Amino acid sequence: MDLISGIDVTADALEAQKTRLDIVAQNIANAQTTRTASGGPYQRQIVSFETELVRQSGGGSLQSVRVSSVTADPSAGEKVYNPQHPDAGADGFVAMPNVNLASEMVDLVTASRAYEANLSFAKNARQLAEKTLEIGK
């Protein structure tokens, strides 16, 4: 495997995980938002990844990852009885966002660990390249 191609694949993975971290942070920040510009409660966002083959000049191929889409989670949020809330309906219930903080924290830790692993690979590849250049001196 070419070292530069490996770093390119890692850079794509870092970008994908950064997007995932951003979306998770957005979900957590809006966990109590009952009214958005569209009128309803905030809808949790989901990041979908897809792989793509990166063709090499040597005939081999590498698989890279990229974000294919960011979509709204269609599941309904919880309804909470709070007749004093400004967004309460005639029955006194408020539609809450469909954000589950526990699952968002799991996504946050998973994305963070994947980001760290890819960053570690990039660091090791850089050190390997530096050592290779030292041999040539």
Protein backbone atom coordinates (compact mmCIF):
# COMPACT_ATOMS: atom_id res chain seq x y z
CA MET A 1 0.00 0.00 0.00
CA ASP A 2 1.28 3.43 -0.90
CA LEU A 3 1.80 5.58 2.21
CA ILE A 4 0.21 8.68 0.66
CA SER A 5 -2.89 6.74 -0.39
CA GLY A 6 -3.24 5.38 3.13
CA ILE A 7 -3.10 8.89 4.54
CA ASP A 8 -5.72 10.01 1.99
CA VAL A 9 -8.06 7.23 3.12
CA THR A 10 -7.44 8.20 6.75
CA ALA A 11 -8.15 11.85 5.95
CA ASP A 12 -11.51 10.83 4.45
CA ALA A 13 -12.32 8.81 7.57
CA LEU A 14 -11.34 11.72 9.82
CA GLU A 15 -13.64 14.04 7.85
CA ALA A 16 -16.53 11.55 8.09
CA GLN A 17 -16.10 11.13 11.85
CA LYS A 18 -15.83 14.91 12.32
CA THR A 19 -19.19 15.28 10.58
CA ARG A 20 -20.63 12.59 12.83
CA LEU A 21 -19.29 14.37 15.94
CA ASP A 22 -20.80 17.66 14.74
CA ILE A 23 -24.22 16.07 14.20
CA VAL A 24 -24.16 14.34 17.61
CA ALA A 25 -23.28 17.67 19.25
CA GLN A 26 -26.15 19.33 17.39
CA ASN A 27 -28.54 16.60 18.58
CA ILE A 28 -27.44 17.01 22.20
CA ALA A 29 -27.70 20.79 22.01
CA ASN A 30 -31.28 20.56 20.72
CA ALA A 31 -32.48 17.81 23.07
CA GLN A 32 -35.00 20.21 24.67
CA THR A 33 -35.93 22.31 21.62
CA THR A 34 -39.70 22.11 21.27
CA ARG A 35 -40.09 24.63 18.44
CA THR A 36 -37.95 24.93 15.32
CA ALA A 37 -38.22 27.13 12.24
CA SER A 38 -40.41 24.46 10.64
CA GLY A 39 -42.80 24.66 13.59
CA GLY A 40 -42.45 21.31 15.35
CA PRO A 41 -39.97 19.89 17.83
CA TYR A 42 -36.38 19.26 16.80
CA GLN A 43 -35.89 16.01 14.88
CA ARG A 44 -32.76 13.98 15.66
CA GLN A 45 -30.30 13.88 12.77
CA ILE A 46 -28.65 10.63 11.64
CA VAL A 47 -25.39 10.36 9.69
CA SER A 48 -25.13 7.60 7.08
CA PHE A 49 -21.76 6.44 5.75
CA GLU A 50 -20.90 4.64 2.56
CA THR A 51 -17.68 3.12 1.28
CA GLU A 52 -16.05 3.98 -1.96
CA LEU A 53 -13.20 2.31 -3.77
CA VAL A 54 -10.14 4.40 -4.39
CA ARG A 55 -8.33 3.10 -7.50
CA GLN A 56 -4.58 2.75 -7.35
CA SER A 57 -2.17 2.98 -10.26
CA GLY A 58 -0.70 -0.38 -9.19
CA GLY A 59 -3.93 -2.23 -9.94
CA GLY A 60 -5.05 -2.58 -6.32
CA SER A 61 -7.75 -0.65 -4.61
CA LEU A 62 -8.44 0.81 -1.19
CA GLN A 63 -11.77 1.35 0.49
CA SER A 64 -12.49 4.78 1.84
CA VAL A 65 -15.50 6.05 3.74
CA ARG A 66 -17.55 9.17 3.25
CA VAL A 67 -20.78 10.64 4.52
CA SER A 68 -23.57 9.70 2.14
CA SER A 69 -26.34 11.65 3.86
CA VAL A 70 -27.55 13.36 6.98
CA THR A 71 -31.25 12.70 7.47
CA ALA A 72 -33.89 13.35 10.11
CA ASP A 73 -34.90 10.43 12.33
CA PRO A 74 -38.59 9.82 11.55
CA SER A 75 -39.44 8.37 14.97
CA ALA A 76 -41.79 10.35 17.17
CA GLY A 77 -40.61 12.07 20.31
CA GLU A 78 -42.10 11.78 23.74
CA LYS A 79 -45.17 13.80 24.75
CA VAL A 80 -44.95 15.45 28.15
CA TYR A 81 -47.88 16.88 30.06
CA ASN A 82 -47.07 20.54 30.81
CA PRO A 83 -50.05 22.84 30.22
CA GLN A 84 -48.00 25.94 31.24
CA HIS A 85 -45.50 25.42 28.40
CA PRO A 86 -45.92 27.87 25.49
CA ASP A 87 -45.79 24.99 22.97
CA ALA A 88 -48.43 22.87 24.75
CA GLY A 89 -51.38 21.76 22.68
CA ALA A 90 -55.03 22.12 23.68
CA ASP A 91 -54.73 18.88 25.66
CA GLY A 92 -51.75 20.26 27.66
CA PHE A 93 -49.15 17.94 26.13
CA VAL A 94 -45.87 19.20 24.66
CA ALA A 95 -44.21 17.29 21.81
CA MET A 96 -40.56 16.81 22.76
CA PRO A 97 -37.63 16.08 20.42
CA ASN A 98 -36.85 12.43 19.67
CA VAL A 99 -33.32 12.77 21.07
CA ASN A 100 -32.22 10.10 23.54
CA LEU A 101 -29.21 11.45 25.43
CA ALA A 102 -27.91 7.98 26.32
CA SER A 103 -27.74 6.85 22.69
CA GLU A 104 -26.23 10.20 21.68
CA MET A 105 -23.48 9.73 24.26
CA VAL A 106 -22.79 6.24 22.89
CA ASP A 107 -22.55 7.73 19.37
CA LEU A 108 -20.28 10.47 20.71
CA VAL A 109 -17.86 8.02 22.35
CA THR A 110 -17.86 5.72 19.30
CA ALA A 111 -17.16 8.55 16.88
CA SER A 112 -14.50 9.97 19.19
CA ARG A 113 -12.70 6.61 19.41
CA ALA A 114 -12.83 6.13 15.65
CA TYR A 115 -11.45 9.64 15.16
CA GLU A 116 -8.63 8.94 17.63
CA ALA A 117 -7.75 5.67 15.87
CA ASN A 118 -7.53 7.36 12.48
CA LEU A 119 -5.50 10.21 13.94
CA SER A 120 -3.11 7.69 15.47
CA PHE A 121 -2.66 6.03 12.07
CA ALA A 122 -1.87 9.39 10.45
CA LYS A 123 0.68 10.15 13.19
CA ASN A 124 2.35 6.75 12.77
CA ALA A 125 2.44 7.13 8.99
CA ARG A 126 4.13 10.52 9.36
CA GLN A 127 6.72 9.04 11.74
CA LEU A 128 7.32 6.18 9.31
CA ALA A 129 7.87 8.63 6.47
CA GLU A 130 10.32 10.65 8.61
CA LYS A 131 12.27 7.51 9.50
CA THR A 132 12.36 6.49 5.85
CA LEU A 133 13.83 9.85 4.91
CA GLU A 134 16.46 9.52 7.66
CA ILE A 135 17.60 6.22 6.17
CA GLY A 136 18.28 7.96 2.86
CA LYS A 137 20.72 10.45 4.42
